[in-house]
N, C-alpha and C. Protein backbone atom coordinates (compact mmCIF):
# COMPACT_ATOMS: atom_id res chain seq x y z
N MET A 1 -23.91 -50.66 18.12
CA MET A 1 -25.19 -50.46 17.45
C MET A 1 -26.02 -49.42 18.22
N SER A 2 -26.61 -48.49 17.49
CA SER A 2 -27.39 -47.41 18.11
C SER A 2 -28.72 -47.93 18.65
N THR A 3 -29.22 -47.26 19.68
CA THR A 3 -30.56 -47.55 20.16
C THR A 3 -31.56 -46.79 19.30
N LEU A 4 -32.84 -47.07 19.50
CA LEU A 4 -33.88 -46.38 18.74
C LEU A 4 -33.85 -44.89 19.03
N PHE A 5 -33.70 -44.54 20.31
CA PHE A 5 -33.64 -43.12 20.68
C PHE A 5 -32.49 -42.43 19.96
N GLN A 6 -31.32 -43.04 19.95
CA GLN A 6 -30.15 -42.43 19.32
C GLN A 6 -30.36 -42.27 17.81
N SER A 7 -30.93 -43.27 17.17
CA SER A 7 -31.14 -43.21 15.72
C SER A 7 -32.12 -42.11 15.34
N ILE A 8 -33.20 -42.00 16.11
CA ILE A 8 -34.20 -41.00 15.79
C ILE A 8 -33.69 -39.59 16.13
N LYS A 9 -32.96 -39.47 17.23
CA LYS A 9 -32.39 -38.17 17.58
C LYS A 9 -31.38 -37.72 16.51
N GLU A 10 -30.61 -38.63 15.97
CA GLU A 10 -29.67 -38.29 14.90
C GLU A 10 -30.42 -37.73 13.68
N ASP A 11 -31.56 -38.33 13.37
CA ASP A 11 -32.39 -37.81 12.28
C ASP A 11 -32.86 -36.40 12.58
N HIS A 12 -33.31 -36.18 13.81
CA HIS A 12 -33.79 -34.84 14.19
C HIS A 12 -32.67 -33.81 14.02
N GLU A 13 -31.45 -34.18 14.43
CA GLU A 13 -30.32 -33.26 14.31
C GLU A 13 -30.04 -32.95 12.83
N GLU A 14 -30.20 -33.96 11.98
CA GLU A 14 -29.99 -33.73 10.54
C GLU A 14 -31.01 -32.74 10.01
N MET A 15 -32.26 -32.88 10.42
CA MET A 15 -33.30 -31.93 9.99
C MET A 15 -32.90 -30.51 10.36
N TYR A 16 -32.47 -30.32 11.60
CA TYR A 16 -32.13 -28.98 12.07
C TYR A 16 -30.91 -28.44 11.32
N GLU A 17 -29.94 -29.30 11.03
CA GLU A 17 -28.76 -28.86 10.29
C GLU A 17 -29.13 -28.43 8.87
N TYR A 18 -29.96 -29.22 8.20
CA TYR A 18 -30.35 -28.89 6.82
C TYR A 18 -31.15 -27.58 6.80
N HIS A 19 -31.98 -27.39 7.81
CA HIS A 19 -32.75 -26.14 7.86
C HIS A 19 -31.82 -24.96 8.13
N ASP A 20 -30.82 -25.13 8.97
CA ASP A 20 -29.85 -24.06 9.21
C ASP A 20 -29.11 -23.71 7.91
N GLN A 21 -28.76 -24.73 7.15
CA GLN A 21 -28.09 -24.47 5.86
C GLN A 21 -29.02 -23.70 4.92
N TYR A 22 -30.29 -24.08 4.92
CA TYR A 22 -31.28 -23.36 4.10
C TYR A 22 -31.36 -21.89 4.54
N LYS A 23 -31.43 -21.66 5.85
CA LYS A 23 -31.56 -20.29 6.36
C LYS A 23 -30.35 -19.44 5.99
N ARG A 24 -29.15 -20.04 6.02
CA ARG A 24 -27.95 -19.29 5.62
C ARG A 24 -28.03 -18.91 4.14
N ALA A 25 -28.50 -19.85 3.32
CA ALA A 25 -28.64 -19.56 1.89
C ALA A 25 -29.68 -18.46 1.67
N HIS A 26 -30.74 -18.49 2.47
CA HIS A 26 -31.79 -17.47 2.37
C HIS A 26 -31.24 -16.10 2.74
N GLU A 27 -30.43 -16.06 3.79
CA GLU A 27 -29.88 -14.79 4.27
C GLU A 27 -28.93 -14.16 3.24
N ARG A 28 -28.21 -14.98 2.49
CA ARG A 28 -27.28 -14.44 1.50
C ARG A 28 -27.91 -14.33 0.10
N GLY A 29 -29.20 -14.71 0.00
CA GLY A 29 -29.92 -14.56 -1.26
C GLY A 29 -29.54 -15.56 -2.33
N ASP A 30 -29.04 -16.72 -1.93
CA ASP A 30 -28.64 -17.76 -2.88
C ASP A 30 -29.84 -18.66 -3.16
N VAL A 31 -30.52 -18.37 -4.25
CA VAL A 31 -31.77 -19.07 -4.57
C VAL A 31 -31.53 -20.56 -4.83
N ASP A 32 -30.50 -20.88 -5.61
CA ASP A 32 -30.23 -22.28 -5.94
C ASP A 32 -29.91 -23.09 -4.68
N ALA A 33 -29.12 -22.53 -3.77
CA ALA A 33 -28.77 -23.24 -2.55
C ALA A 33 -29.99 -23.42 -1.65
N GLN A 34 -30.87 -22.42 -1.63
CA GLN A 34 -32.10 -22.57 -0.86
C GLN A 34 -32.90 -23.77 -1.36
N ALA A 35 -33.03 -23.89 -2.67
CA ALA A 35 -33.78 -25.00 -3.26
C ALA A 35 -33.12 -26.33 -2.94
N ARG A 36 -31.79 -26.38 -3.00
CA ARG A 36 -31.07 -27.64 -2.73
C ARG A 36 -31.27 -28.09 -1.29
N TRP A 37 -31.12 -27.17 -0.34
CA TRP A 37 -31.23 -27.56 1.06
C TRP A 37 -32.67 -27.85 1.47
N ALA A 38 -33.61 -27.13 0.89
CA ALA A 38 -35.02 -27.43 1.18
C ALA A 38 -35.38 -28.81 0.66
N ARG A 39 -34.82 -29.18 -0.50
CA ARG A 39 -35.09 -30.50 -1.06
C ARG A 39 -34.48 -31.59 -0.18
N GLN A 40 -33.25 -31.35 0.31
CA GLN A 40 -32.60 -32.31 1.20
C GLN A 40 -33.40 -32.47 2.49
N LEU A 41 -33.89 -31.37 3.02
CA LEU A 41 -34.69 -31.41 4.24
C LEU A 41 -35.99 -32.18 4.02
N THR A 42 -36.67 -31.90 2.92
CA THR A 42 -37.93 -32.61 2.62
C THR A 42 -37.68 -34.10 2.46
N TRP A 43 -36.59 -34.45 1.80
CA TRP A 43 -36.23 -35.85 1.58
C TRP A 43 -36.04 -36.56 2.92
N GLU A 44 -35.35 -35.91 3.85
CA GLU A 44 -35.09 -36.52 5.15
C GLU A 44 -36.37 -36.63 5.98
N VAL A 45 -37.18 -35.58 5.99
CA VAL A 45 -38.41 -35.59 6.80
C VAL A 45 -39.38 -36.65 6.30
N ALA A 46 -39.52 -36.77 4.98
CA ALA A 46 -40.47 -37.74 4.42
C ALA A 46 -40.07 -39.17 4.79
N ARG A 47 -38.78 -39.51 4.63
CA ARG A 47 -38.33 -40.87 4.97
C ARG A 47 -38.46 -41.13 6.47
N HIS A 48 -38.10 -40.13 7.26
CA HIS A 48 -38.15 -40.26 8.71
C HIS A 48 -39.58 -40.51 9.18
N ALA A 49 -40.51 -39.72 8.67
CA ALA A 49 -41.90 -39.82 9.12
C ALA A 49 -42.50 -41.19 8.82
N VAL A 50 -42.31 -41.67 7.59
CA VAL A 50 -42.89 -42.96 7.23
C VAL A 50 -42.17 -44.09 7.96
N GLY A 51 -40.87 -43.94 8.17
CA GLY A 51 -40.14 -44.95 8.94
C GLY A 51 -40.68 -45.08 10.35
N GLU A 52 -40.99 -43.96 10.98
CA GLU A 52 -41.57 -44.00 12.32
C GLU A 52 -42.95 -44.66 12.30
N GLU A 53 -43.74 -44.32 11.30
CA GLU A 53 -45.10 -44.86 11.23
C GLU A 53 -45.11 -46.37 11.01
N ILE A 54 -44.10 -46.87 10.31
CA ILE A 54 -44.03 -48.30 10.04
C ILE A 54 -43.41 -49.07 11.20
N VAL A 55 -42.40 -48.51 11.84
CA VAL A 55 -41.63 -49.25 12.85
C VAL A 55 -41.95 -48.82 14.28
N VAL A 56 -41.90 -47.52 14.55
CA VAL A 56 -41.94 -47.03 15.92
C VAL A 56 -43.33 -47.01 16.53
N TYR A 57 -44.28 -46.44 15.83
CA TYR A 57 -45.61 -46.26 16.42
C TYR A 57 -46.31 -47.59 16.71
N PRO A 58 -46.17 -48.61 15.85
CA PRO A 58 -46.74 -49.92 16.22
C PRO A 58 -46.12 -50.49 17.50
N LEU A 59 -44.83 -50.22 17.73
CA LEU A 59 -44.20 -50.68 18.98
C LEU A 59 -44.79 -49.97 20.19
N MET A 60 -45.07 -48.68 20.04
CA MET A 60 -45.67 -47.92 21.14
C MET A 60 -47.05 -48.48 21.48
N GLU A 61 -47.81 -48.80 20.43
CA GLU A 61 -49.15 -49.36 20.65
C GLU A 61 -49.08 -50.73 21.30
N LYS A 62 -48.08 -51.51 20.92
CA LYS A 62 -47.96 -52.88 21.43
C LYS A 62 -47.48 -52.91 22.88
N HIS A 63 -46.54 -52.04 23.23
CA HIS A 63 -45.87 -52.16 24.53
C HIS A 63 -46.29 -51.12 25.57
N LEU A 64 -47.00 -50.07 25.15
CA LEU A 64 -47.37 -49.02 26.11
C LEU A 64 -48.87 -48.95 26.36
N GLY A 65 -49.61 -49.96 25.93
CA GLY A 65 -51.03 -50.04 26.24
C GLY A 65 -51.85 -48.89 25.65
N ASP A 66 -52.87 -48.49 26.37
CA ASP A 66 -53.76 -47.41 25.90
C ASP A 66 -53.00 -46.11 25.72
N LYS A 67 -52.05 -45.86 26.62
CA LYS A 67 -51.25 -44.63 26.51
C LYS A 67 -50.42 -44.65 25.25
N GLY A 68 -49.92 -45.80 24.90
CA GLY A 68 -49.13 -45.92 23.68
C GLY A 68 -49.96 -45.65 22.44
N LYS A 69 -51.19 -46.16 22.43
CA LYS A 69 -52.08 -45.89 21.29
C LYS A 69 -52.40 -44.41 21.20
N GLU A 70 -52.63 -43.80 22.36
CA GLU A 70 -52.92 -42.37 22.39
C GLU A 70 -51.74 -41.56 21.85
N LEU A 71 -50.54 -41.90 22.29
CA LEU A 71 -49.34 -41.20 21.83
C LEU A 71 -49.12 -41.40 20.33
N ALA A 72 -49.29 -42.65 19.87
CA ALA A 72 -49.07 -42.96 18.46
C ALA A 72 -50.08 -42.23 17.58
N ASP A 73 -51.34 -42.20 17.99
CA ASP A 73 -52.36 -41.50 17.21
C ASP A 73 -52.07 -40.01 17.14
N HIS A 74 -51.62 -39.46 18.26
CA HIS A 74 -51.27 -38.04 18.30
C HIS A 74 -50.10 -37.75 17.37
N ASP A 75 -49.09 -38.61 17.39
CA ASP A 75 -47.92 -38.42 16.53
C ASP A 75 -48.30 -38.55 15.06
N ARG A 76 -49.18 -39.48 14.74
CA ARG A 76 -49.62 -39.64 13.35
C ARG A 76 -50.35 -38.39 12.87
N GLU A 77 -51.17 -37.81 13.73
CA GLU A 77 -51.88 -36.58 13.37
C GLU A 77 -50.90 -35.45 13.07
N GLU A 78 -49.86 -35.35 13.89
CA GLU A 78 -48.86 -34.30 13.66
C GLU A 78 -48.07 -34.58 12.38
N HIS A 79 -47.77 -35.84 12.11
CA HIS A 79 -47.11 -36.20 10.86
C HIS A 79 -47.98 -35.83 9.67
N GLN A 80 -49.26 -36.12 9.78
CA GLN A 80 -50.17 -35.84 8.67
C GLN A 80 -50.17 -34.35 8.34
N SER A 81 -50.18 -33.51 9.37
CA SER A 81 -50.16 -32.07 9.17
C SER A 81 -48.88 -31.64 8.46
N VAL A 82 -47.75 -32.20 8.88
CA VAL A 82 -46.48 -31.85 8.25
C VAL A 82 -46.44 -32.35 6.80
N LYS A 83 -46.93 -33.57 6.56
CA LYS A 83 -46.95 -34.11 5.19
C LYS A 83 -47.75 -33.20 4.27
N GLU A 84 -48.90 -32.75 4.73
CA GLU A 84 -49.73 -31.87 3.90
C GLU A 84 -49.02 -30.57 3.59
N LYS A 85 -48.30 -30.04 4.57
CA LYS A 85 -47.56 -28.79 4.35
C LYS A 85 -46.38 -29.02 3.40
N LEU A 86 -45.69 -30.16 3.54
CA LEU A 86 -44.59 -30.48 2.64
C LEU A 86 -45.10 -30.66 1.21
N TYR A 87 -46.25 -31.27 1.08
CA TYR A 87 -46.84 -31.48 -0.24
C TYR A 87 -47.13 -30.13 -0.89
N LYS A 88 -47.66 -29.20 -0.11
CA LYS A 88 -47.92 -27.84 -0.62
C LYS A 88 -46.61 -27.14 -0.95
N LEU A 89 -45.59 -27.35 -0.11
CA LEU A 89 -44.30 -26.70 -0.33
C LEU A 89 -43.73 -27.07 -1.69
N GLU A 90 -43.90 -28.32 -2.10
CA GLU A 90 -43.34 -28.77 -3.38
C GLU A 90 -44.01 -28.10 -4.56
N SER A 91 -45.19 -27.51 -4.35
CA SER A 91 -45.89 -26.82 -5.44
C SER A 91 -45.51 -25.34 -5.52
N LEU A 92 -44.74 -24.87 -4.53
CA LEU A 92 -44.35 -23.46 -4.49
C LEU A 92 -42.95 -23.27 -5.06
N LYS A 93 -42.65 -22.04 -5.42
CA LYS A 93 -41.34 -21.71 -5.98
C LYS A 93 -40.37 -21.35 -4.86
N PRO A 94 -39.22 -22.02 -4.79
CA PRO A 94 -38.24 -21.70 -3.76
C PRO A 94 -37.82 -20.22 -3.83
N ALA A 95 -37.47 -19.71 -2.67
CA ALA A 95 -36.98 -18.33 -2.52
C ALA A 95 -38.08 -17.29 -2.52
N THR A 96 -39.33 -17.70 -2.65
CA THR A 96 -40.42 -16.74 -2.52
C THR A 96 -40.78 -16.58 -1.05
N ASP A 97 -41.46 -15.48 -0.71
CA ASP A 97 -41.85 -15.24 0.68
C ASP A 97 -42.77 -16.34 1.19
N GLU A 98 -43.71 -16.78 0.32
CA GLU A 98 -44.66 -17.81 0.73
C GLU A 98 -43.94 -19.12 1.04
N TYR A 99 -42.96 -19.45 0.21
CA TYR A 99 -42.17 -20.68 0.42
C TYR A 99 -41.43 -20.61 1.74
N HIS A 100 -40.77 -19.48 1.99
CA HIS A 100 -39.99 -19.32 3.22
C HIS A 100 -40.88 -19.37 4.45
N ARG A 101 -42.03 -18.73 4.40
CA ARG A 101 -42.95 -18.73 5.55
C ARG A 101 -43.45 -20.13 5.84
N LEU A 102 -43.81 -20.87 4.80
CA LEU A 102 -44.35 -22.22 5.00
C LEU A 102 -43.27 -23.14 5.56
N LEU A 103 -42.05 -23.04 5.06
CA LEU A 103 -40.98 -23.89 5.57
C LEU A 103 -40.68 -23.56 7.04
N THR A 104 -40.79 -22.29 7.40
CA THR A 104 -40.60 -21.89 8.79
C THR A 104 -41.66 -22.52 9.68
N VAL A 105 -42.91 -22.51 9.24
CA VAL A 105 -44.01 -23.12 9.99
C VAL A 105 -43.79 -24.62 10.13
N ILE A 106 -43.35 -25.28 9.06
CA ILE A 106 -43.09 -26.72 9.09
C ILE A 106 -42.03 -27.04 10.14
N MET A 107 -40.96 -26.26 10.18
CA MET A 107 -39.89 -26.54 11.13
C MET A 107 -40.32 -26.26 12.57
N GLU A 108 -41.15 -25.27 12.77
CA GLU A 108 -41.68 -25.02 14.12
C GLU A 108 -42.50 -26.21 14.60
N SER A 109 -43.31 -26.76 13.70
CA SER A 109 -44.12 -27.93 14.03
C SER A 109 -43.24 -29.14 14.32
N LEU A 110 -42.20 -29.30 13.52
CA LEU A 110 -41.31 -30.45 13.69
C LEU A 110 -40.52 -30.35 14.99
N HIS A 111 -40.08 -29.16 15.35
CA HIS A 111 -39.36 -29.00 16.60
C HIS A 111 -40.22 -29.45 17.78
N HIS A 112 -41.46 -29.02 17.79
CA HIS A 112 -42.37 -29.39 18.88
C HIS A 112 -42.60 -30.91 18.88
N HIS A 113 -42.86 -31.46 17.71
CA HIS A 113 -43.11 -32.90 17.57
C HIS A 113 -41.89 -33.71 17.98
N ASN A 114 -40.72 -33.32 17.48
CA ASN A 114 -39.48 -34.05 17.79
C ASN A 114 -39.16 -33.99 19.28
N ASP A 115 -39.37 -32.83 19.89
CA ASP A 115 -39.11 -32.70 21.33
C ASP A 115 -40.02 -33.62 22.14
N ASP A 116 -41.28 -33.71 21.74
CA ASP A 116 -42.21 -34.62 22.42
C ASP A 116 -41.70 -36.05 22.35
N GLU A 117 -41.21 -36.44 21.19
CA GLU A 117 -40.69 -37.80 21.04
C GLU A 117 -39.48 -38.04 21.94
N GLU A 118 -38.57 -37.07 21.98
CA GLU A 118 -37.34 -37.25 22.76
C GLU A 118 -37.58 -37.17 24.27
N ILE A 119 -38.57 -36.37 24.67
CA ILE A 119 -38.83 -36.18 26.09
C ILE A 119 -39.77 -37.25 26.65
N ASN A 120 -40.79 -37.60 25.87
CA ASN A 120 -41.85 -38.48 26.39
C ASN A 120 -41.90 -39.87 25.72
N ASP A 121 -42.10 -39.89 24.41
CA ASP A 121 -42.43 -41.13 23.72
C ASP A 121 -41.30 -42.16 23.76
N LEU A 122 -40.13 -41.77 23.30
CA LEU A 122 -39.03 -42.74 23.17
C LEU A 122 -38.48 -43.23 24.51
N PRO A 123 -38.32 -42.36 25.51
CA PRO A 123 -37.88 -42.89 26.81
C PRO A 123 -38.85 -43.91 27.39
N ALA A 124 -40.15 -43.65 27.24
CA ALA A 124 -41.15 -44.58 27.75
C ALA A 124 -41.09 -45.91 26.99
N LEU A 125 -40.94 -45.83 25.68
CA LEU A 125 -40.87 -47.05 24.87
C LEU A 125 -39.63 -47.86 25.20
N GLU A 126 -38.48 -47.20 25.29
CA GLU A 126 -37.24 -47.94 25.56
C GLU A 126 -37.26 -48.57 26.95
N ALA A 127 -37.88 -47.90 27.90
CA ALA A 127 -37.99 -48.49 29.24
C ALA A 127 -38.83 -49.75 29.21
N ALA A 128 -39.81 -49.79 28.31
CA ALA A 128 -40.72 -50.94 28.22
C ALA A 128 -40.11 -52.12 27.45
N ILE A 129 -39.32 -51.84 26.43
CA ILE A 129 -38.83 -52.94 25.58
C ILE A 129 -37.40 -53.36 25.89
N GLY A 130 -36.62 -52.53 26.56
CA GLY A 130 -35.26 -52.89 26.90
C GLY A 130 -34.26 -52.51 25.81
N GLN A 131 -32.98 -52.51 26.17
CA GLN A 131 -31.94 -52.01 25.27
C GLN A 131 -31.78 -52.86 24.02
N GLN A 132 -31.81 -54.19 24.14
CA GLN A 132 -31.60 -55.04 22.99
C GLN A 132 -32.71 -54.86 21.96
N ALA A 133 -33.96 -54.86 22.43
CA ALA A 133 -35.08 -54.65 21.52
C ALA A 133 -35.02 -53.26 20.90
N SER A 134 -34.54 -52.28 21.66
CA SER A 134 -34.39 -50.93 21.13
C SER A 134 -33.38 -50.91 19.99
N LYS A 135 -32.29 -51.63 20.13
CA LYS A 135 -31.28 -51.69 19.07
C LYS A 135 -31.83 -52.40 17.83
N GLU A 136 -32.61 -53.44 18.07
CA GLU A 136 -33.22 -54.16 16.94
C GLU A 136 -34.23 -53.26 16.21
N ALA A 137 -34.98 -52.49 16.98
CA ALA A 137 -35.95 -51.56 16.38
C ALA A 137 -35.22 -50.48 15.58
N ALA A 138 -34.07 -50.03 16.10
CA ALA A 138 -33.28 -49.02 15.40
C ALA A 138 -32.81 -49.56 14.05
N ALA A 139 -32.37 -50.81 14.03
CA ALA A 139 -31.91 -51.43 12.79
C ALA A 139 -33.06 -51.53 11.78
N SER A 140 -34.25 -51.89 12.26
CA SER A 140 -35.42 -51.96 11.39
C SER A 140 -35.80 -50.58 10.86
N PHE A 141 -35.72 -49.59 11.73
CA PHE A 141 -36.04 -48.21 11.35
C PHE A 141 -35.11 -47.73 10.24
N LEU A 142 -33.82 -47.97 10.40
CA LEU A 142 -32.86 -47.52 9.41
C LEU A 142 -33.03 -48.27 8.09
N LYS A 143 -33.32 -49.55 8.17
CA LYS A 143 -33.54 -50.34 6.96
C LYS A 143 -34.80 -49.87 6.23
N THR A 144 -35.85 -49.60 6.99
CA THR A 144 -37.11 -49.15 6.40
C THR A 144 -36.93 -47.82 5.68
N LYS A 145 -36.15 -46.92 6.25
CA LYS A 145 -35.94 -45.60 5.65
C LYS A 145 -35.34 -45.69 4.25
N LYS A 146 -34.61 -46.78 3.97
CA LYS A 146 -33.99 -46.93 2.66
C LYS A 146 -35.02 -47.28 1.58
N LEU A 147 -36.20 -47.74 2.02
CA LEU A 147 -37.20 -48.23 1.07
C LEU A 147 -38.41 -47.32 0.94
N VAL A 148 -38.67 -46.49 1.94
CA VAL A 148 -39.90 -45.72 1.94
C VAL A 148 -39.80 -44.51 1.01
N PRO A 149 -40.94 -43.87 0.71
CA PRO A 149 -40.94 -42.73 -0.21
C PRO A 149 -40.06 -41.59 0.28
N THR A 150 -39.54 -40.82 -0.68
CA THR A 150 -38.70 -39.68 -0.35
C THR A 150 -39.43 -38.37 -0.59
N ARG A 151 -40.70 -38.45 -0.95
CA ARG A 151 -41.53 -37.27 -1.10
C ARG A 151 -42.78 -37.45 -0.24
N SER A 152 -43.44 -36.34 0.03
CA SER A 152 -44.60 -36.40 0.91
C SER A 152 -45.82 -36.95 0.18
N HIS A 153 -46.51 -37.90 0.81
CA HIS A 153 -47.75 -38.47 0.27
C HIS A 153 -48.85 -38.34 1.32
N PRO A 154 -49.46 -37.14 1.44
CA PRO A 154 -50.44 -36.93 2.50
C PRO A 154 -51.69 -37.79 2.38
N SER A 155 -51.98 -38.31 1.17
CA SER A 155 -53.18 -39.13 1.01
C SER A 155 -52.94 -40.60 1.31
N ALA A 156 -51.69 -40.98 1.53
CA ALA A 156 -51.38 -42.38 1.83
C ALA A 156 -51.80 -42.72 3.26
N PRO A 157 -52.29 -43.95 3.49
CA PRO A 157 -52.63 -44.35 4.86
C PRO A 157 -51.40 -44.34 5.75
N ASN A 158 -51.62 -44.09 7.07
CA ASN A 158 -50.46 -43.98 7.95
C ASN A 158 -50.48 -45.02 9.07
N LYS A 159 -51.14 -46.14 8.83
CA LYS A 159 -51.12 -47.24 9.80
C LYS A 159 -50.82 -48.54 9.08
N PRO A 160 -50.04 -49.43 9.70
CA PRO A 160 -49.79 -50.74 9.10
C PRO A 160 -51.08 -51.54 9.05
N PRO A 161 -51.23 -52.52 8.10
CA PRO A 161 -50.23 -52.83 7.09
C PRO A 161 -50.35 -51.99 5.83
N ALA A 162 -51.45 -51.24 5.68
CA ALA A 162 -51.64 -50.50 4.44
C ALA A 162 -50.51 -49.53 4.18
N GLU A 163 -50.03 -48.83 5.22
CA GLU A 163 -48.97 -47.84 5.01
C GLU A 163 -47.70 -48.50 4.49
N THR A 164 -47.47 -49.74 4.91
CA THR A 164 -46.26 -50.42 4.46
C THR A 164 -46.34 -50.71 2.96
N LEU A 165 -47.46 -51.23 2.51
CA LEU A 165 -47.63 -51.57 1.10
C LEU A 165 -47.62 -50.32 0.23
N VAL A 166 -48.39 -49.31 0.61
CA VAL A 166 -48.46 -48.09 -0.18
C VAL A 166 -47.10 -47.39 -0.21
N GLY A 167 -46.45 -47.35 0.94
CA GLY A 167 -45.15 -46.70 1.01
C GLY A 167 -44.14 -47.36 0.11
N LEU A 168 -44.07 -48.68 0.16
CA LEU A 168 -43.08 -49.39 -0.62
C LEU A 168 -43.41 -49.36 -2.11
N MET A 169 -44.69 -49.37 -2.46
CA MET A 169 -45.06 -49.34 -3.87
C MET A 169 -44.76 -47.99 -4.51
N SER A 170 -44.86 -46.93 -3.74
CA SER A 170 -44.63 -45.61 -4.31
C SER A 170 -43.15 -45.22 -4.31
N ALA A 171 -42.34 -45.98 -3.59
CA ALA A 171 -40.93 -45.59 -3.44
C ALA A 171 -40.15 -45.54 -4.77
N PRO A 172 -40.24 -46.55 -5.64
CA PRO A 172 -39.40 -46.50 -6.84
C PRO A 172 -39.64 -45.27 -7.70
N ILE A 173 -40.89 -44.87 -7.89
CA ILE A 173 -41.19 -43.69 -8.70
C ILE A 173 -40.60 -42.45 -8.05
N ASP A 174 -40.74 -42.36 -6.75
CA ASP A 174 -40.17 -41.21 -6.04
C ASP A 174 -38.67 -41.14 -6.24
N LYS A 175 -38.01 -42.28 -6.11
CA LYS A 175 -36.55 -42.27 -6.23
C LYS A 175 -36.12 -41.89 -7.64
N LEU A 176 -36.91 -42.29 -8.64
CA LEU A 176 -36.60 -41.90 -10.01
C LEU A 176 -36.75 -40.39 -10.18
N LYS A 177 -37.80 -39.83 -9.63
CA LYS A 177 -37.99 -38.37 -9.70
C LYS A 177 -36.85 -37.64 -9.02
N ASP A 178 -36.35 -38.22 -7.93
CA ASP A 178 -35.29 -37.56 -7.18
C ASP A 178 -34.01 -37.38 -8.00
N TRP A 179 -33.79 -38.26 -8.96
CA TRP A 179 -32.59 -38.12 -9.80
C TRP A 179 -32.63 -36.81 -10.57
N PHE A 180 -33.83 -36.31 -10.82
CA PHE A 180 -33.97 -35.09 -11.61
C PHE A 180 -34.15 -33.85 -10.72
N SER A 181 -34.04 -34.02 -9.43
CA SER A 181 -34.16 -32.91 -8.50
C SER A 181 -32.77 -32.44 -8.08
N SER A 182 -32.72 -31.20 -7.64
CA SER A 182 -31.44 -30.63 -7.23
C SER A 182 -31.21 -30.85 -5.75
N PHE A 183 -30.10 -31.49 -5.42
CA PHE A 183 -29.71 -31.72 -4.03
C PHE A 183 -28.41 -30.98 -3.75
N PRO A 184 -28.03 -30.83 -2.48
CA PRO A 184 -26.75 -30.20 -2.16
C PRO A 184 -25.59 -30.94 -2.81
N THR A 185 -24.52 -30.20 -3.10
CA THR A 185 -23.33 -30.81 -3.69
C THR A 185 -22.61 -31.66 -2.65
N GLU A 186 -21.67 -32.46 -3.11
CA GLU A 186 -20.88 -33.28 -2.18
C GLU A 186 -20.14 -32.41 -1.17
N GLY A 187 -19.62 -31.27 -1.65
CA GLY A 187 -18.91 -30.36 -0.76
C GLY A 187 -19.82 -29.77 0.29
N GLU A 188 -21.02 -29.38 -0.11
CA GLU A 188 -21.98 -28.83 0.84
C GLU A 188 -22.40 -29.86 1.88
N MET A 189 -22.62 -31.10 1.43
CA MET A 189 -23.01 -32.15 2.37
C MET A 189 -21.87 -32.48 3.32
N ALA A 190 -20.64 -32.46 2.83
CA ALA A 190 -19.50 -32.74 3.69
C ALA A 190 -19.39 -31.70 4.80
N GLN A 191 -19.62 -30.44 4.45
CA GLN A 191 -19.59 -29.38 5.46
C GLN A 191 -20.70 -29.57 6.48
N ALA A 192 -21.89 -29.92 6.01
CA ALA A 192 -23.02 -30.13 6.92
C ALA A 192 -22.76 -31.30 7.85
N LYS A 193 -22.20 -32.39 7.31
CA LYS A 193 -21.89 -33.56 8.13
C LYS A 193 -20.87 -33.22 9.21
N GLU A 194 -19.92 -32.36 8.87
CA GLU A 194 -18.91 -31.95 9.85
C GLU A 194 -19.58 -31.15 10.97
N GLU A 195 -20.49 -30.27 10.61
CA GLU A 195 -21.19 -29.48 11.62
C GLU A 195 -22.08 -30.35 12.49
N LEU A 196 -22.61 -31.42 11.91
CA LEU A 196 -23.48 -32.33 12.66
C LEU A 196 -22.75 -32.97 13.83
N LYS A 197 -21.45 -33.14 13.69
CA LYS A 197 -20.67 -33.77 14.76
C LYS A 197 -20.73 -32.95 16.05
N HIS A 198 -21.02 -31.68 15.91
CA HIS A 198 -21.00 -30.79 17.08
C HIS A 198 -22.40 -30.38 17.53
N ARG A 199 -23.42 -30.95 16.91
CA ARG A 199 -24.79 -30.63 17.28
C ARG A 199 -25.28 -31.60 18.35
N ASP A 200 -26.04 -31.08 19.31
CA ASP A 200 -26.64 -31.95 20.32
C ASP A 200 -27.80 -31.20 20.96
N HIS A 201 -28.91 -31.15 20.25
CA HIS A 201 -30.09 -30.45 20.74
C HIS A 201 -30.65 -31.15 21.97
N ASP A 202 -30.78 -30.43 23.07
CA ASP A 202 -31.33 -30.97 24.31
C ASP A 202 -32.80 -30.57 24.37
N ALA A 203 -33.69 -31.48 24.01
CA ALA A 203 -35.11 -31.16 23.92
C ALA A 203 -35.69 -30.73 25.27
N ALA A 204 -35.35 -31.45 26.32
CA ALA A 204 -35.91 -31.14 27.64
C ALA A 204 -35.44 -29.77 28.12
N ALA A 205 -34.14 -29.49 27.95
CA ALA A 205 -33.60 -28.20 28.41
C ALA A 205 -34.19 -27.05 27.62
N GLY A 206 -34.35 -27.28 26.30
CA GLY A 206 -34.92 -26.25 25.44
C GLY A 206 -36.36 -25.94 25.81
N ARG A 207 -37.11 -26.98 26.10
CA ARG A 207 -38.52 -26.76 26.47
C ARG A 207 -38.62 -26.07 27.83
N ALA A 208 -37.76 -26.43 28.76
CA ALA A 208 -37.76 -25.80 30.07
C ALA A 208 -37.42 -24.32 29.95
N ALA A 209 -36.44 -24.00 29.10
CA ALA A 209 -36.04 -22.60 28.90
C ALA A 209 -37.18 -21.79 28.31
N SER A 210 -37.91 -22.39 27.35
CA SER A 210 -39.03 -21.70 26.72
C SER A 210 -40.14 -21.43 27.72
N ALA A 211 -40.36 -22.38 28.63
CA ALA A 211 -41.42 -22.23 29.62
C ALA A 211 -41.11 -21.12 30.62
N ASN A 212 -39.83 -20.83 30.83
CA ASN A 212 -39.43 -19.82 31.78
C ASN A 212 -39.45 -18.41 31.22
N HIS A 213 -39.69 -18.29 29.91
CA HIS A 213 -39.71 -16.98 29.30
C HIS A 213 -41.14 -16.44 29.19
């Protein structure tokens, strides 16, 4: 069974893989593929963000004291900014310059946010709760992701218990809409999953390298 750190890092790797697939489609001018991969990326980010807000951030507040509340509030603010940008992205036409620029900004924000979680937040939380509780939290996180919205809802509250109720109530409609949206084909997803096996973004090393430039 995966720990919370491992489960969340796997999600981060999926985000980066889907964005890489989008960038390749953009470089070859494949408009339909750009739309499919951007939709897959948005779907993953939306579920991931709400899953963290329901499961992870309350644990940080409970087990890390004032520092945990400070970290959780900061993470929620960054999520809110990304949600608002994702919401705007859905109103734009894929393959346009504005769409591409906004998605680039979203991914830059997510890289910074995800690195903070991997370097600071999650190691501190796991040290406080222990391996078994971390595995239990990971199971809750994965289960929650199956129920939460798959589209961005920037106006929804982002703290329990309201976020839990609003998130779960809006999920069925979102999932129905998703049936009518274009996602990557089975072949495209199989290729991406294969590439994921070889991905291992080192947040600490990447941040150190950036600081030295």
